[in-house]
C-alpha atoms as a PDB file:
ATOM      1  CA  MET A   1      18.622   2.998  13.659  1.00  0.00           C
ATOM      2  CA  LYS A   2      15.069   3.811  14.760  1.00  0.00           C
ATOM      3  CA  GLY A   3      14.008   4.459  11.133  1.00  0.00           C
ATOM      4  CA  THR A   4      15.259   1.019  10.116  1.00  0.00           C
ATOM      5  CA  VAL A   5      13.186  -0.623  12.851  1.00  0.00           C
ATOM      6  CA  ILE A   6      10.065   1.234  11.694  1.00  0.00           C
ATOM      7  CA  LEU A   7      10.663   0.316   8.038  1.00  0.00           C
ATOM      8  CA  ASP A   8      11.130  -3.337   9.058  1.00  0.00           C
ATOM      9  CA  ALA A   9       7.811  -3.223  10.924  1.00  0.00           C
ATOM     10  CA  ILE A  10       6.077  -1.813   7.833  1.00  0.00           C
ATOM     11  CA  LYS A  11       7.626  -4.538   5.689  1.00  0.00           C
ATOM     12  CA  ARG A  12       6.500  -7.289   8.112  1.00  0.00           C
ATOM     13  CA  ARG A  13       2.949  -5.883   8.212  1.00  0.00           C
ATOM     14  CA  LEU A  14       2.764  -5.823   4.416  1.00  0.00           C
ATOM     15  CA  SER A  15       4.301  -9.301   4.154  1.00  0.00           C
ATOM     16  CA  ASP A  16       1.435 -10.591   6.302  1.00  0.00           C
ATOM     17  CA  ILE A  17      -1.175  -9.382   3.792  1.00  0.00           C
ATOM     18  CA  VAL A  18       0.455 -10.475   0.518  1.00  0.00           C
ATOM     19  CA  GLY A  19      -2.253 -11.781  -1.796  1.00  0.00           C
ATOM     20  CA  GLU A  20      -5.017  -9.709  -0.208  1.00  0.00           C
ATOM     21  CA  LYS A  21      -7.037  -6.996  -1.898  1.00  0.00           C
ATOM     22  CA  VAL A  22      -5.821  -3.527  -0.861  1.00  0.00           C
ATOM     23  CA  TYR A  23      -6.972   0.053  -1.262  1.00  0.00           C
ATOM     24  CA  ILE A  24      -4.177   2.558  -1.960  1.00  0.00           C
ATOM     25  CA  THR A  25      -4.225   6.329  -1.872  1.00  0.00           C
ATOM     26  CA  ALA A  26      -1.075   7.872  -3.362  1.00  0.00           C
ATOM     27  CA  ASN A  27       0.030  11.485  -3.166  1.00  0.00           C
ATOM     28  CA  GLN A  28       0.940  12.796  -6.620  1.00  0.00           C
ATOM     29  CA  GLY A  29       1.960  16.273  -5.492  1.00  0.00           C
ATOM     30  CA  ARG A  30       0.270  19.666  -5.787  1.00  0.00           C
ATOM     31  CA  ARG A  31      -2.766  18.524  -3.819  1.00  0.00           C
ATOM     32  CA  LYS A  32      -3.415  15.639  -6.204  1.00  0.00           C
ATOM     33  CA  ARG A  33      -4.149  12.177  -4.884  1.00  0.00           C
ATOM     34  CA  SER A  34      -5.049   9.027  -6.744  1.00  0.00           C
ATOM     35  CA  SER A  35      -6.917   6.073  -5.298  1.00  0.00           C
ATOM     36  CA  LEU A  36      -6.917   2.534  -6.584  1.00  0.00           C
ATOM     37  CA  THR A  37      -7.782  -0.989  -5.573  1.00  0.00           C
ATOM     38  CA  GLY A  38      -5.490  -3.892  -6.343  1.00  0.00           C
ATOM     39  CA  ILE A  39      -3.869  -7.015  -4.962  1.00  0.00           C
ATOM     40  CA  LEU A  40      -0.690  -6.804  -2.904  1.00  0.00           C
ATOM     41  CA  GLU A  41       1.459  -9.005  -5.070  1.00  0.00           C
ATOM     42  CA  GLY A  42       4.780  -9.148  -3.289  1.00  0.00           C
ATOM     43  CA  THR A  43       7.212  -7.596  -0.842  1.00  0.00           C
ATOM     44  CA  TYR A  44      10.876  -7.210  -1.638  1.00  0.00           C
ATOM     45  CA  ARG A  45      13.945  -5.765   0.052  1.00  0.00           C
ATOM     46  CA  SER A  46      13.146  -2.102  -0.566  1.00  0.00           C
ATOM     47  CA  LEU A  47       9.720  -2.042  -2.227  1.00  0.00           C
ATOM     48  CA  PHE A  48       6.377  -3.774  -2.604  1.00  0.00           C
ATOM     49  CA  THR A  49       4.237  -4.343  -5.680  1.00  0.00           C
ATOM     50  CA  VAL A  50       0.504  -4.045  -6.258  1.00  0.00           C
ATOM     51  CA  LEU A  51      -1.281  -5.639  -9.208  1.00  0.00           C
ATOM     52  CA  VAL A  52      -4.139  -3.451 -10.450  1.00  0.00           C
ATOM     53  CA  PRO A  53      -6.679  -5.412 -12.502  1.00  0.00           C
ATOM     54  CA  GLY A  54      -7.695  -4.080 -15.876  1.00  0.00           C
ATOM     55  CA  THR A  55      -6.984  -4.559 -19.537  1.00  0.00           C
ATOM     56  CA  PRO A  56      -4.042  -4.962 -19.472  1.00  0.00           C
ATOM     57  CA  PRO A  57      -3.325  -5.450 -15.751  1.00  0.00           C
ATOM     58  CA  THR A  58      -0.913  -2.879 -14.316  1.00  0.00           C
ATOM     59  CA  ARG A  59       1.814  -3.594 -11.781  1.00  0.00           C
ATOM     60  CA  LEU A  60       2.775  -0.651  -9.549  1.00  0.00           C
ATOM     61  CA  SER A  61       5.627  -0.496  -7.079  1.00  0.00           C
ATOM     62  CA  PHE A  62       6.017   1.606  -3.957  1.00  0.00           C
ATOM     63  CA  THR A  63       8.761   1.888  -1.339  1.00  0.00           C
ATOM     64  CA  TYR A  64       8.331   1.297   2.378  1.00  0.00           C
ATOM     65  CA  SER A  65       9.498   4.875   2.973  1.00  0.00           C
ATOM     66  CA  ASP A  66       6.486   6.033   0.899  1.00  0.00           C
ATOM     67  CA  VAL A  67       4.285   4.417   3.552  1.00  0.00           C
ATOM     68  CA  LEU A  68       6.387   5.868   6.387  1.00  0.00           C
ATOM     69  CA  THR A  69       6.119   9.422   5.008  1.00  0.00           C
ATOM     70  CA  ARG A  70       2.422   8.904   4.199  1.00  0.00           C
ATOM     71  CA  ALA A  71       2.985   9.591   0.500  1.00  0.00           C
ATOM     72  CA  VAL A  72       1.164   6.259   0.108  1.00  0.00           C
ATOM     73  CA  ILE A  73      -1.628   5.084   2.392  1.00  0.00           C
ATOM     74  CA  ILE A  74      -2.451   1.399   2.149  1.00  0.00           C
ATOM     75  CA  GLN A  75      -5.408  -0.412   3.730  1.00  0.00           C
ATOM     76  CA  THR A  76      -6.856  -3.832   3.209  1.00  0.00           C
ATOM     77  CA  VAL A  77     -10.299  -3.617   1.653  1.00  0.00           C
ATOM     78  CA  LYS A  78     -11.659  -5.265   4.819  1.00  0.00           C
ATOM     79  CA  GLU A  79     -10.182  -2.464   7.009  1.00  0.00           C
ATOM     80  CA  LYS A  80     -11.554   0.203   4.690  1.00  0.00           C
ATOM     81  CA  ASP A  81     -15.052  -1.314   4.771  1.00  0.00           C
ATOM     82  CA  GLU A  82     -14.959  -1.550   8.583  1.00  0.00           C
ATOM     83  CA  ALA A  83     -13.871   2.106   8.878  1.00  0.00           C
ATOM     84  CA  ALA A  84     -16.700   3.182   6.574  1.00  0.00           C
ATOM     85  CA  ALA A  85     -19.219   1.221   8.639  1.00  0.00           C
ATOM     86  CA  ILE A  86     -18.088   2.974  11.837  1.00  0.00           C
ATOM     87  CA  SER A  87     -18.263   6.476  10.336  1.00  0.00           C
END
């Protein structure tokens, strides 16, 4: 029950920033991480999508449990810039 409440909170937080530019760091295993910047395109029942600009544009999807387990870290570009300014 508690896990469901946390996942719902993550989903609400992401729903609030749909359409904004986000910075994502994803764990790819074996100490490998990839970072990318894209636009949070949409939130759905069990996942959210990010549109990464390029030629051609790429659409990536992640689950809310990825965020919960910190396999994916997502920040708005504004939050990332503010954190860098403080450091």
